Amino acid sequence: METKIENEGKKVEEKAEDSGQVSGTLEEKKDEVEDLKKIVEEYRREVEEEKRKAEEYLTRLKYVQADYLNFRKRIEKEIEEVKKYSNERFIVSLLEVVDELEMALEAGKKTNSIKILLEGVEMTLKKLNKILEGEGVKRIEALGKMFDPNIHYVIARVEKDDIEEGTILEEVRKGYIMKDRVIRPSIVKVAVKSSK
């Protein structure tokens, strides 16, 4: 697509070619010079306009870049804050368990009764398990189940001919799953057939 200036330039060239003369009258030359001056002035205006637009775009780009950097810093700061305090609610819940354990110990000291102390510990354990469930933590069922290497860790094999091989006989330490991830496997002893 030709610009207005390019059109004018072509007209001047065509005019010179059509006349078939390199030299012309002084008046014609003056007209040509005036036409060329107009074309140059038009080019200068276009260049100035493009320069102004380029400066405006550059200024806008600098603002966008500054906004982006500020946004990025703000997001990074917010992420750090979330990381820093992400487990606050869970810790507050655990503090309630600590309070209950302390109350159970105090009650046990005052009465010298093991039964009261055990009841307090049982209540506290129930509360702690409820807190863990609220966080998506579940105990892995192991005893009597078939060994699964994804959720169980074997520390011993016990020879038992009357029980299916791979059955978990004893749970040494309980395992837990948080949502869909094993956070601690159950440590177990499993049945194996005797080597007789």
N, C-alpha and C. Protein backbone atom coordinates (compact mmCIF):
# COMPACT_ATOMS: atom_id res chain seq x y z
N MET A 1 0.85 -1.18 0.00
CA MET A 1 0.00 0.00 0.00
C MET A 1 0.89 1.24 0.00
N GLU A 2 0.69 2.10 -0.96
CA GLU A 2 1.53 3.28 -1.10
C GLU A 2 1.02 4.39 -0.21
N THR A 3 1.95 5.13 0.35
CA THR A 3 1.56 6.28 1.15
C THR A 3 1.38 7.48 0.24
N LYS A 4 0.82 8.52 0.79
CA LYS A 4 0.58 9.76 0.05
C LYS A 4 1.90 10.34 -0.45
N ILE A 5 2.90 10.25 0.38
CA ILE A 5 4.21 10.81 0.03
C ILE A 5 4.82 10.05 -1.14
N GLU A 6 4.72 8.71 -1.10
CA GLU A 6 5.27 7.91 -2.20
C GLU A 6 4.56 8.24 -3.51
N ASN A 7 3.25 8.43 -3.44
CA ASN A 7 2.47 8.82 -4.62
C ASN A 7 2.99 10.13 -5.21
N GLU A 8 3.19 11.12 -4.33
CA GLU A 8 3.66 12.43 -4.79
C GLU A 8 5.03 12.32 -5.43
N GLY A 9 5.89 11.50 -4.82
CA GLY A 9 7.24 11.32 -5.37
C GLY A 9 7.19 10.71 -6.75
N LYS A 10 6.32 9.72 -6.94
CA LYS A 10 6.18 9.08 -8.25
C LYS A 10 5.66 10.06 -9.30
N LYS A 11 4.72 10.91 -8.88
CA LYS A 11 4.17 11.90 -9.81
C LYS A 11 5.26 12.84 -10.32
N VAL A 12 6.13 13.26 -9.39
CA VAL A 12 7.21 14.17 -9.78
C VAL A 12 8.15 13.47 -10.75
N GLU A 13 8.48 12.19 -10.45
CA GLU A 13 9.37 11.42 -11.33
C GLU A 13 8.73 11.25 -12.71
N GLU A 14 7.44 10.90 -12.72
CA GLU A 14 6.73 10.70 -13.99
C GLU A 14 6.70 12.00 -14.80
N LYS A 15 6.49 13.11 -14.11
CA LYS A 15 6.44 14.41 -14.77
C LYS A 15 7.76 14.70 -15.47
N ALA A 16 8.84 14.39 -14.75
CA ALA A 16 10.17 14.63 -15.32
C ALA A 16 10.40 13.71 -16.52
N GLU A 17 9.98 12.45 -16.42
CA GLU A 17 10.18 11.49 -17.51
C GLU A 17 9.31 11.85 -18.72
N ASP A 18 8.04 12.25 -18.45
CA ASP A 18 7.12 12.59 -19.53
C ASP A 18 7.62 13.79 -20.34
N SER A 19 8.22 14.72 -19.68
CA SER A 19 8.67 15.91 -20.38
C SER A 19 9.83 15.58 -21.31
N GLY A 20 10.52 14.46 -20.99
CA GLY A 20 11.62 14.02 -21.83
C GLY A 20 12.80 14.96 -21.77
N GLN A 21 12.77 15.85 -20.85
CA GLN A 21 13.84 16.82 -20.74
C GLN A 21 14.49 16.71 -19.38
N VAL A 22 15.81 16.80 -19.39
CA VAL A 22 16.52 16.83 -18.13
C VAL A 22 16.56 18.27 -17.68
N SER A 23 16.64 19.11 -18.64
CA SER A 23 16.65 20.51 -18.28
C SER A 23 15.32 21.12 -18.69
N GLY A 24 14.90 22.06 -17.98
CA GLY A 24 13.65 22.73 -18.31
C GLY A 24 13.81 24.19 -17.99
N THR A 25 12.71 24.85 -18.02
CA THR A 25 12.77 26.26 -17.72
C THR A 25 13.01 26.44 -16.24
N LEU A 26 13.47 27.57 -15.90
CA LEU A 26 13.74 27.88 -14.50
C LEU A 26 12.48 27.79 -13.67
N GLU A 27 11.40 28.19 -14.25
CA GLU A 27 10.12 28.15 -13.53
C GLU A 27 9.72 26.71 -13.23
N GLU A 28 9.93 25.82 -14.20
CA GLU A 28 9.61 24.41 -13.99
C GLU A 28 10.49 23.82 -12.90
N LYS A 29 11.75 24.19 -12.92
CA LYS A 29 12.67 23.68 -11.90
C LYS A 29 12.26 24.15 -10.52
N LYS A 30 11.85 25.41 -10.44
CA LYS A 30 11.39 25.93 -9.15
C LYS A 30 10.17 25.16 -8.66
N ASP A 31 9.27 24.87 -9.60
CA ASP A 31 8.07 24.11 -9.24
C ASP A 31 8.45 22.71 -8.74
N GLU A 32 9.40 22.11 -9.44
CA GLU A 32 9.84 20.78 -9.03
C GLU A 32 10.48 20.82 -7.63
N VAL A 33 11.30 21.84 -7.42
CA VAL A 33 11.93 22.00 -6.10
C VAL A 33 10.87 22.21 -5.03
N GLU A 34 9.88 23.00 -5.32
CA GLU A 34 8.80 23.23 -4.35
C GLU A 34 8.05 21.93 -4.06
N ASP A 35 7.78 21.18 -5.14
CA ASP A 35 7.11 19.88 -4.95
C ASP A 35 7.95 18.95 -4.08
N LEU A 36 9.24 18.94 -4.36
CA LEU A 36 10.14 18.09 -3.57
C LEU A 36 10.20 18.55 -2.11
N LYS A 37 10.20 19.86 -1.90
CA LYS A 37 10.20 20.38 -0.53
C LYS A 37 8.95 19.94 0.21
N LYS A 38 7.82 19.98 -0.51
CA LYS A 38 6.55 19.55 0.11
C LYS A 38 6.62 18.06 0.48
N ILE A 39 7.18 17.28 -0.44
CA ILE A 39 7.30 15.83 -0.18
C ILE A 39 8.22 15.59 1.02
N VAL A 40 9.34 16.29 1.06
CA VAL A 40 10.29 16.15 2.18
C VAL A 40 9.61 16.57 3.48
N GLU A 41 8.87 17.66 3.44
CA GLU A 41 8.17 18.13 4.64
C GLU A 41 7.13 17.11 5.11
N GLU A 42 6.44 16.51 4.15
CA GLU A 42 5.45 15.47 4.49
C GLU A 42 6.15 14.27 5.13
N TYR A 43 7.28 13.86 4.56
CA TYR A 43 8.07 12.76 5.15
C TYR A 43 8.51 13.11 6.57
N ARG A 44 8.98 14.35 6.73
CA ARG A 44 9.43 14.78 8.05
C ARG A 44 8.29 14.70 9.07
N ARG A 45 7.09 15.14 8.67
CA ARG A 45 5.94 15.07 9.57
C ARG A 45 5.60 13.62 9.91
N GLU A 46 5.64 12.76 8.89
CA GLU A 46 5.35 11.34 9.14
C GLU A 46 6.38 10.72 10.08
N VAL A 47 7.64 11.06 9.87
CA VAL A 47 8.71 10.54 10.74
C VAL A 47 8.50 11.04 12.17
N GLU A 48 8.18 12.32 12.31
CA GLU A 48 7.94 12.88 13.64
C GLU A 48 6.75 12.18 14.32
N GLU A 49 5.70 11.93 13.55
CA GLU A 49 4.51 11.25 14.11
C GLU A 49 4.87 9.83 14.54
N GLU A 50 5.63 9.13 13.71
CA GLU A 50 6.03 7.76 14.06
C GLU A 50 6.96 7.77 15.28
N LYS A 51 7.82 8.76 15.35
CA LYS A 51 8.72 8.89 16.50
C LYS A 51 7.91 9.13 17.78
N ARG A 52 6.90 10.01 17.67
CA ARG A 52 6.04 10.29 18.83
C ARG A 52 5.32 9.02 19.28
N LYS A 53 4.79 8.25 18.30
CA LYS A 53 4.10 7.00 18.63
C LYS A 53 5.06 6.01 19.29
N ALA A 54 6.27 5.92 18.75
CA ALA A 54 7.26 4.99 19.31
C ALA A 54 7.59 5.36 20.76
N GLU A 55 7.74 6.65 21.02
CA GLU A 55 8.03 7.10 22.40
C GLU A 55 6.85 6.79 23.31
N GLU A 56 5.64 6.99 22.80
CA GLU A 56 4.44 6.68 23.59
C GLU A 56 4.37 5.19 23.90
N TYR A 57 4.65 4.35 22.89
CA TYR A 57 4.64 2.89 23.12
C TYR A 57 5.72 2.48 24.12
N LEU A 58 6.88 3.10 24.01
CA LEU A 58 7.97 2.79 24.94
C LEU A 58 7.58 3.17 26.37
N THR A 59 6.95 4.32 26.52
CA THR A 59 6.50 4.74 27.85
C THR A 59 5.47 3.76 28.40
N ARG A 60 4.51 3.37 27.55
CA ARG A 60 3.50 2.39 27.98
C ARG A 60 4.15 1.07 28.37
N LEU A 61 5.12 0.64 27.56
CA LEU A 61 5.82 -0.61 27.85
C LEU A 61 6.53 -0.55 29.20
N LYS A 62 7.15 0.60 29.49
CA LYS A 62 7.84 0.75 30.78
C LYS A 62 6.84 0.66 31.93
N TYR A 63 5.66 1.27 31.78
CA TYR A 63 4.63 1.18 32.82
C TYR A 63 4.15 -0.25 33.01
N VAL A 64 3.92 -0.94 31.88
CA VAL A 64 3.47 -2.33 31.96
C VAL A 64 4.53 -3.19 32.64
N GLN A 65 5.79 -2.96 32.29
CA GLN A 65 6.88 -3.72 32.90
C GLN A 65 6.96 -3.45 34.40
N ALA A 66 6.84 -2.20 34.79
CA ALA A 66 6.87 -1.84 36.21
C ALA A 66 5.68 -2.47 36.94
N ASP A 67 4.50 -2.42 36.32
CA ASP A 67 3.32 -3.05 36.93
C ASP A 67 3.53 -4.54 37.11
N TYR A 68 4.10 -5.18 36.09
CA TYR A 68 4.36 -6.62 36.16
C TYR A 68 5.33 -6.94 37.30
N LEU A 69 6.41 -6.17 37.40
CA LEU A 69 7.40 -6.42 38.46
C LEU A 69 6.77 -6.22 39.84
N ASN A 70 5.96 -5.18 39.99
CA ASN A 70 5.28 -4.96 41.27
C ASN A 70 4.31 -6.09 41.58
N PHE A 71 3.57 -6.52 40.57
CA PHE A 71 2.63 -7.64 40.75
C PHE A 71 3.39 -8.89 41.17
N ARG A 72 4.49 -9.17 40.50
CA ARG A 72 5.28 -10.36 40.81
C ARG A 72 5.81 -10.32 42.24
N LYS A 73 6.33 -9.15 42.65
CA LYS A 73 6.84 -9.01 44.03
C LYS A 73 5.71 -9.23 45.03
N ARG A 74 4.53 -8.66 44.74
CA ARG A 74 3.40 -8.80 45.65
C ARG A 74 2.97 -10.26 45.77
N ILE A 75 2.91 -10.97 44.65
CA ILE A 75 2.53 -12.38 44.66
C ILE A 75 3.56 -13.20 45.43
N GLU A 76 4.85 -12.94 45.20
CA GLU A 76 5.90 -13.66 45.92
C GLU A 76 5.79 -13.43 47.42
N LYS A 77 5.50 -12.20 47.81
CA LYS A 77 5.34 -11.88 49.23
C LYS A 77 4.13 -12.61 49.81
N GLU A 78 3.02 -12.63 49.06
CA GLU A 78 1.83 -13.33 49.53
C GLU A 78 2.08 -14.83 49.65
N ILE A 79 2.82 -15.40 48.71
CA ILE A 79 3.15 -16.83 48.78
C ILE A 79 3.99 -17.12 50.01
N GLU A 80 4.95 -16.25 50.29
CA GLU A 80 5.79 -16.43 51.49
C GLU A 80 4.93 -16.35 52.76
N GLU A 81 3.99 -15.42 52.78
CA GLU A 81 3.10 -15.30 53.94
C GLU A 81 2.26 -16.56 54.12
N VAL A 82 1.74 -17.08 53.01
CA VAL A 82 0.94 -18.31 53.08
C VAL A 82 1.79 -19.46 53.59
N LYS A 83 3.01 -19.59 53.06
CA LYS A 83 3.90 -20.65 53.52
C LYS A 83 4.21 -20.50 55.01
N LYS A 84 4.46 -19.28 55.40
CA LYS A 84 4.86 -18.99 56.78
C LYS A 84 3.78 -19.38 57.78
N TYR A 85 2.53 -19.12 57.42
CA TYR A 85 1.44 -19.35 58.37
C TYR A 85 0.46 -20.43 57.93
N SER A 86 0.84 -21.25 56.96
CA SER A 86 -0.09 -22.23 56.39
C SER A 86 -0.55 -23.27 57.41
N ASN A 87 0.26 -23.60 58.36
CA ASN A 87 -0.12 -24.63 59.33
C ASN A 87 -0.61 -24.03 60.65
N GLU A 88 -0.91 -22.75 60.67
CA GLU A 88 -1.33 -22.08 61.90
C GLU A 88 -2.59 -22.73 62.49
N ARG A 89 -3.59 -22.97 61.65
CA ARG A 89 -4.84 -23.56 62.14
C ARG A 89 -4.58 -24.93 62.75
N PHE A 90 -3.73 -25.71 62.10
CA PHE A 90 -3.40 -27.05 62.60
C PHE A 90 -2.67 -26.95 63.94
N ILE A 91 -1.73 -26.03 64.05
CA ILE A 91 -0.98 -25.86 65.30
C ILE A 91 -1.91 -25.44 66.43
N VAL A 92 -2.84 -24.54 66.15
CA VAL A 92 -3.80 -24.12 67.19
C VAL A 92 -4.61 -25.32 67.66
N SER A 93 -5.01 -26.19 66.73
CA SER A 93 -5.74 -27.41 67.11
C SER A 93 -4.88 -28.30 67.99
N LEU A 94 -3.60 -28.42 67.67
CA LEU A 94 -2.70 -29.24 68.49
C LEU A 94 -2.49 -28.64 69.87
N LEU A 95 -2.52 -27.33 69.96
CA LEU A 95 -2.38 -26.69 71.28
C LEU A 95 -3.53 -27.07 72.20
N GLU A 96 -4.71 -27.26 71.61
CA GLU A 96 -5.85 -27.72 72.42
C GLU A 96 -5.56 -29.12 72.97
N VAL A 97 -4.92 -29.96 72.17
CA VAL A 97 -4.56 -31.30 72.63
C VAL A 97 -3.53 -31.21 73.75
N VAL A 98 -2.56 -30.32 73.60
CA VAL A 98 -1.56 -30.12 74.66
C VAL A 98 -2.25 -29.69 75.95
N ASP A 99 -3.21 -28.76 75.84
CA ASP A 99 -3.96 -28.31 77.03
C ASP A 99 -4.65 -29.48 77.71
N GLU A 100 -5.29 -30.33 76.91
CA GLU A 100 -6.01 -31.47 77.49
C GLU A 100 -5.06 -32.47 78.13
N LEU A 101 -3.91 -32.71 77.54
CA LEU A 101 -2.92 -33.60 78.15
C LEU A 101 -2.43 -33.04 79.48
N GLU A 102 -2.19 -31.74 79.51
CA GLU A 102 -1.76 -31.11 80.77
C GLU A 102 -2.84 -31.22 81.84
N MET A 103 -4.11 -31.03 81.44
CA MET A 103 -5.22 -31.17 82.41
C MET A 103 -5.31 -32.61 82.90
N ALA A 104 -5.12 -33.57 82.00
CA ALA A 104 -5.18 -34.98 82.40
C ALA A 104 -4.07 -35.30 83.39
N LEU A 105 -2.88 -34.79 83.14
CA LEU A 105 -1.76 -35.02 84.07
C LEU A 105 -2.04 -34.40 85.43
N GLU A 106 -2.56 -33.18 85.43
CA GLU A 106 -2.88 -32.50 86.70
C GLU A 106 -3.95 -33.27 87.47
N ALA A 107 -4.97 -33.72 86.75
CA ALA A 107 -6.04 -34.49 87.41
C ALA A 107 -5.48 -35.79 87.98
N GLY A 108 -4.59 -36.44 87.24
CA GLY A 108 -3.98 -37.69 87.71
C GLY A 108 -3.13 -37.46 88.94
N LYS A 109 -2.42 -36.35 88.99
CA LYS A 109 -1.57 -36.04 90.15
C LYS A 109 -2.42 -35.78 91.39
N LYS A 110 -3.54 -35.09 91.21
CA LYS A 110 -4.38 -34.72 92.35
C LYS A 110 -5.08 -35.94 92.94
N THR A 111 -5.48 -36.87 92.10
CA THR A 111 -6.27 -38.00 92.61
C THR A 111 -5.44 -39.27 92.78
N ASN A 112 -4.25 -39.26 92.22
CA ASN A 112 -3.41 -40.46 92.24
C ASN A 112 -4.16 -41.66 91.65
N SER A 113 -5.03 -41.39 90.67
CA SER A 113 -5.81 -42.46 90.07
C SER A 113 -5.36 -42.68 88.63
N ILE A 114 -4.91 -43.89 88.37
CA ILE A 114 -4.49 -44.25 87.01
C ILE A 114 -5.70 -44.24 86.07
N LYS A 115 -6.86 -44.65 86.59
CA LYS A 115 -8.07 -44.72 85.76
C LYS A 115 -8.42 -43.34 85.20
N ILE A 116 -8.40 -42.32 86.04
CA ILE A 116 -8.73 -40.96 85.60
C ILE A 116 -7.69 -40.48 84.58
N LEU A 117 -6.43 -40.80 84.85
CA LEU A 117 -5.36 -40.41 83.93
C LEU A 117 -5.56 -41.08 82.57
N LEU A 118 -5.88 -42.38 82.57
CA LEU A 118 -6.11 -43.10 81.32
C LEU A 118 -7.31 -42.54 80.56
N GLU A 119 -8.38 -42.22 81.28
CA GLU A 119 -9.56 -41.64 80.62
C GLU A 119 -9.20 -40.30 79.96
N GLY A 120 -8.42 -39.50 80.66
CA GLY A 120 -7.99 -38.20 80.10
C GLY A 120 -7.14 -38.38 78.85
N VAL A 121 -6.23 -39.36 78.90
CA VAL A 121 -5.37 -39.62 77.74
C VAL A 121 -6.21 -40.14 76.58
N GLU A 122 -7.17 -41.03 76.85
CA GLU A 122 -8.05 -41.55 75.80
C GLU A 122 -8.85 -40.43 75.14
N MET A 123 -9.40 -39.54 75.96
CA MET A 123 -10.16 -38.41 75.41
C MET A 123 -9.27 -37.53 74.53
N THR A 124 -8.06 -37.31 75.01
CA THR A 124 -7.12 -36.48 74.26
C THR A 124 -6.74 -37.15 72.94
N LEU A 125 -6.51 -38.46 72.98
CA LEU A 125 -6.18 -39.20 71.76
C LEU A 125 -7.32 -39.14 70.75
N LYS A 126 -8.56 -39.25 71.24
CA LYS A 126 -9.72 -39.14 70.35
C LYS A 126 -9.76 -37.76 69.69
N LYS A 127 -9.50 -36.75 70.50
CA LYS A 127 -9.52 -35.38 69.96
C LYS A 127 -8.41 -35.21 68.92
N LEU A 128 -7.23 -35.75 69.21
CA LEU A 128 -6.11 -35.65 68.28
C LEU A 128 -6.43 -36.38 66.97
N ASN A 129 -7.02 -37.55 67.07
CA ASN A 129 -7.41 -38.29 65.86
C ASN A 129 -8.46 -37.53 65.04
N LYS A 130 -9.37 -36.85 65.74
CA LYS A 130 -10.38 -36.05 65.05
C LYS A 130 -9.73 -34.88 64.30
N ILE A 131 -8.73 -34.26 64.94
CA ILE A 131 -8.00 -33.17 64.29
C ILE A 131 -7.30 -33.69 63.04
N LEU A 132 -6.64 -34.84 63.17
CA LEU A 132 -5.94 -35.43 62.02
C LEU A 132 -6.92 -35.77 60.90
N GLU A 133 -8.07 -36.32 61.24
CA GLU A 133 -9.09 -36.62 60.23
C GLU A 133 -9.53 -35.35 59.51
N GLY A 134 -9.67 -34.28 60.28
CA GLY A 134 -10.04 -32.99 59.69
C GLY A 134 -9.01 -32.48 58.70
N GLU A 135 -7.77 -32.90 58.86
CA GLU A 135 -6.69 -32.52 57.94
C GLU A 135 -6.53 -33.53 56.81
N GLY A 136 -7.42 -34.53 56.76
CA GLY A 136 -7.36 -35.53 55.70
C GLY A 136 -6.42 -36.68 55.99
N VAL A 137 -6.05 -36.85 57.26
CA VAL A 137 -5.13 -37.93 57.65
C VAL A 137 -5.94 -39.12 58.15
N LYS A 138 -5.66 -40.29 57.55
CA LYS A 138 -6.36 -41.52 57.96
C LYS A 138 -5.33 -42.58 58.30
N ARG A 139 -5.69 -43.42 59.25
CA ARG A 139 -4.81 -44.53 59.63
C ARG A 139 -4.93 -45.63 58.58
N ILE A 140 -3.80 -46.24 58.26
CA ILE A 140 -3.79 -47.36 57.31
C ILE A 140 -4.19 -48.62 58.06
N GLU A 141 -5.20 -49.30 57.53
CA GLU A 141 -5.61 -50.58 58.12
C GLU A 141 -4.58 -51.62 57.71
N ALA A 142 -4.03 -52.33 58.69
CA ALA A 142 -2.96 -53.27 58.36
C ALA A 142 -3.22 -54.67 58.90
N LEU A 143 -3.56 -54.78 60.16
CA LEU A 143 -3.68 -56.09 60.82
C LEU A 143 -4.69 -56.99 60.10
N GLY A 144 -4.23 -58.18 59.69
CA GLY A 144 -5.10 -59.14 59.01
C GLY A 144 -5.26 -58.89 57.52
N LYS A 145 -4.73 -57.79 57.03
CA LYS A 145 -4.82 -57.45 55.60
C LYS A 145 -3.63 -58.07 54.86
N MET A 146 -3.73 -58.10 53.54
CA MET A 146 -2.62 -58.58 52.72
C MET A 146 -1.57 -57.48 52.60
N PHE A 147 -0.33 -57.88 52.62
CA PHE A 147 0.79 -56.94 52.51
C PHE A 147 0.72 -56.19 51.18
N ASP A 148 0.88 -54.87 51.25
CA ASP A 148 0.92 -54.00 50.07
C ASP A 148 2.18 -53.13 50.20
N PRO A 149 3.16 -53.33 49.33
CA PRO A 149 4.42 -52.57 49.45
C PRO A 149 4.25 -51.06 49.31
N ASN A 150 3.11 -50.62 48.80
CA ASN A 150 2.87 -49.19 48.66
C ASN A 150 2.52 -48.52 49.99
N ILE A 151 1.98 -49.31 50.92
CA ILE A 151 1.54 -48.71 52.19
C ILE A 151 2.11 -49.41 53.43
N HIS A 152 2.79 -50.53 53.23
CA HIS A 152 3.35 -51.29 54.36
C HIS A 152 4.86 -51.46 54.18
N TYR A 153 5.56 -51.56 55.30
CA TYR A 153 6.99 -51.82 55.29
C TYR A 153 7.24 -53.02 56.19
N VAL A 154 7.81 -54.09 55.62
CA VAL A 154 8.02 -55.34 56.37
C VAL A 154 9.34 -55.28 57.14
N ILE A 155 9.26 -55.60 58.45
CA ILE A 155 10.51 -55.71 59.22
C ILE A 155 10.78 -57.15 59.63
N ALA A 156 9.76 -58.01 59.50
CA ALA A 156 9.97 -59.42 59.85
C ALA A 156 9.00 -60.30 59.09
N ARG A 157 9.46 -61.53 58.82
CA ARG A 157 8.61 -62.55 58.19
C ARG A 157 8.48 -63.68 59.20
N VAL A 158 7.25 -64.05 59.47
CA VAL A 158 6.98 -65.09 60.48
C VAL A 158 6.40 -66.31 59.76
N GLU A 159 7.00 -67.47 60.03
CA GLU A 159 6.52 -68.70 59.38
C GLU A 159 5.20 -69.12 60.00
N LYS A 160 4.18 -69.23 59.15
CA LYS A 160 2.82 -69.63 59.58
C LYS A 160 2.21 -70.41 58.43
N ASP A 161 1.99 -71.68 58.63
CA ASP A 161 1.42 -72.50 57.56
C ASP A 161 -0.10 -72.42 57.52
N ASP A 162 -0.72 -72.02 58.63
CA ASP A 162 -2.17 -71.99 58.70
C ASP A 162 -2.76 -70.65 58.24
N ILE A 163 -1.91 -69.70 57.87
CA ILE A 163 -2.36 -68.37 57.43
C ILE A 163 -1.80 -68.11 56.04
N GLU A 164 -2.61 -67.46 55.21
CA GLU A 164 -2.19 -67.18 53.84
C GLU A 164 -0.92 -66.33 53.83
N GLU A 165 0.00 -66.71 52.95
CA GLU A 165 1.28 -65.99 52.87
C GLU A 165 1.03 -64.54 52.46
N GLY A 166 1.72 -63.63 53.13
CA GLY A 166 1.57 -62.20 52.85
C GLY A 166 0.58 -61.51 53.76
N THR A 167 -0.10 -62.29 54.62
CA THR A 167 -1.05 -61.69 55.57
C THR A 167 -0.27 -60.99 56.68
N ILE A 168 -0.72 -59.81 57.04
CA ILE A 168 -0.05 -59.05 58.11
C ILE A 168 -0.49 -59.62 59.45
N LEU A 169 0.52 -60.06 60.22
CA LEU A 169 0.25 -60.67 61.53
C LEU A 169 0.32 -59.65 62.66
N GLU A 170 1.21 -58.69 62.51
CA GLU A 170 1.39 -57.73 63.59
C GLU A 170 1.75 -56.36 63.00
N GLU A 171 1.19 -55.34 63.61
CA GLU A 171 1.51 -53.97 63.20
C GLU A 171 2.41 -53.38 64.28
N VAL A 172 3.68 -53.18 63.95
CA VAL A 172 4.65 -52.67 64.91
C VAL A 172 4.48 -51.16 65.09
N ARG A 173 4.21 -50.48 63.99
CA ARG A 173 3.94 -49.04 64.06
C ARG A 173 2.87 -48.71 63.04
N LYS A 174 1.90 -47.91 63.45
CA LYS A 174 0.78 -47.56 62.58
C LYS A 174 1.26 -46.65 61.44
N GLY A 175 0.62 -46.83 60.30
CA GLY A 175 0.92 -45.98 59.15
C GLY A 175 -0.24 -45.04 58.87
N TYR A 176 0.04 -43.98 58.12
CA TYR A 176 -0.99 -42.97 57.85
C TYR A 176 -0.95 -42.51 56.39
N ILE A 177 -2.14 -42.18 55.90
CA ILE A 177 -2.31 -41.61 54.57
C ILE A 177 -2.91 -40.22 54.75
N MET A 178 -2.34 -39.24 54.06
CA MET A 178 -2.91 -37.89 54.07
C MET A 178 -3.49 -37.64 52.69
N LYS A 179 -4.81 -37.51 52.65
CA LYS A 179 -5.56 -37.40 51.41
C LYS A 179 -5.27 -38.64 50.56
N ASP A 180 -4.47 -38.55 49.50
CA ASP A 180 -4.18 -39.73 48.68
C ASP A 180 -2.72 -40.17 48.78
N ARG A 181 -1.96 -39.58 49.67
CA ARG A 181 -0.53 -39.85 49.74
C ARG A 181 -0.17 -40.54 51.06
N VAL A 182 0.67 -41.57 50.96
CA VAL A 182 1.17 -42.23 52.17
C VAL A 182 2.20 -41.30 52.79
N ILE A 183 1.93 -40.87 54.03
CA ILE A 183 2.90 -40.00 54.70
C ILE A 183 3.77 -40.79 55.67
N ARG A 184 3.29 -41.98 56.04
CA ARG A 184 4.11 -42.89 56.85
C ARG A 184 3.57 -44.30 56.66
N PRO A 185 4.39 -45.21 56.12
CA PRO A 185 3.91 -46.58 55.92
C PRO A 185 3.79 -47.32 57.25
N SER A 186 2.91 -48.30 57.28
CA SER A 186 2.79 -49.15 58.47
C SER A 186 4.01 -50.07 58.51
N ILE A 187 4.58 -50.23 59.69
CA ILE A 187 5.68 -51.18 59.86
C ILE A 187 5.05 -52.47 60.38
N VAL A 188 5.27 -53.57 59.63
CA VAL A 188 4.51 -54.80 59.91
C VAL A 188 5.39 -56.05 59.89
N LYS A 189 4.78 -57.11 60.44
CA LYS A 189 5.34 -58.47 60.33
C LYS A 189 4.34 -59.26 59.51
N VAL A 190 4.84 -60.04 58.54
CA VAL A 190 3.94 -60.78 57.65
C VAL A 190 4.17 -62.28 57.73
N ALA A 191 3.12 -63.01 57.36
CA ALA A 191 3.19 -64.48 57.37
C ALA A 191 3.86 -64.98 56.10
N VAL A 192 4.69 -66.02 56.27
CA VAL A 192 5.28 -66.74 55.13
C VAL A 192 5.14 -68.23 55.41
N LYS A 193 5.10 -69.01 54.36
CA LYS A 193 5.02 -70.47 54.52
C LYS A 193 6.37 -70.97 55.03
N SER A 194 6.32 -72.00 55.86
CA SER A 194 7.58 -72.54 56.40
C SER A 194 8.38 -73.19 55.29
N SER A 195 9.67 -73.21 55.46
CA SER A 195 10.55 -73.73 54.41
C SER A 195 10.86 -75.21 54.60
N LYS A 196 9.98 -75.96 55.27
CA LYS A 196 10.20 -77.40 55.53
C LYS A 196 10.10 -78.21 54.29
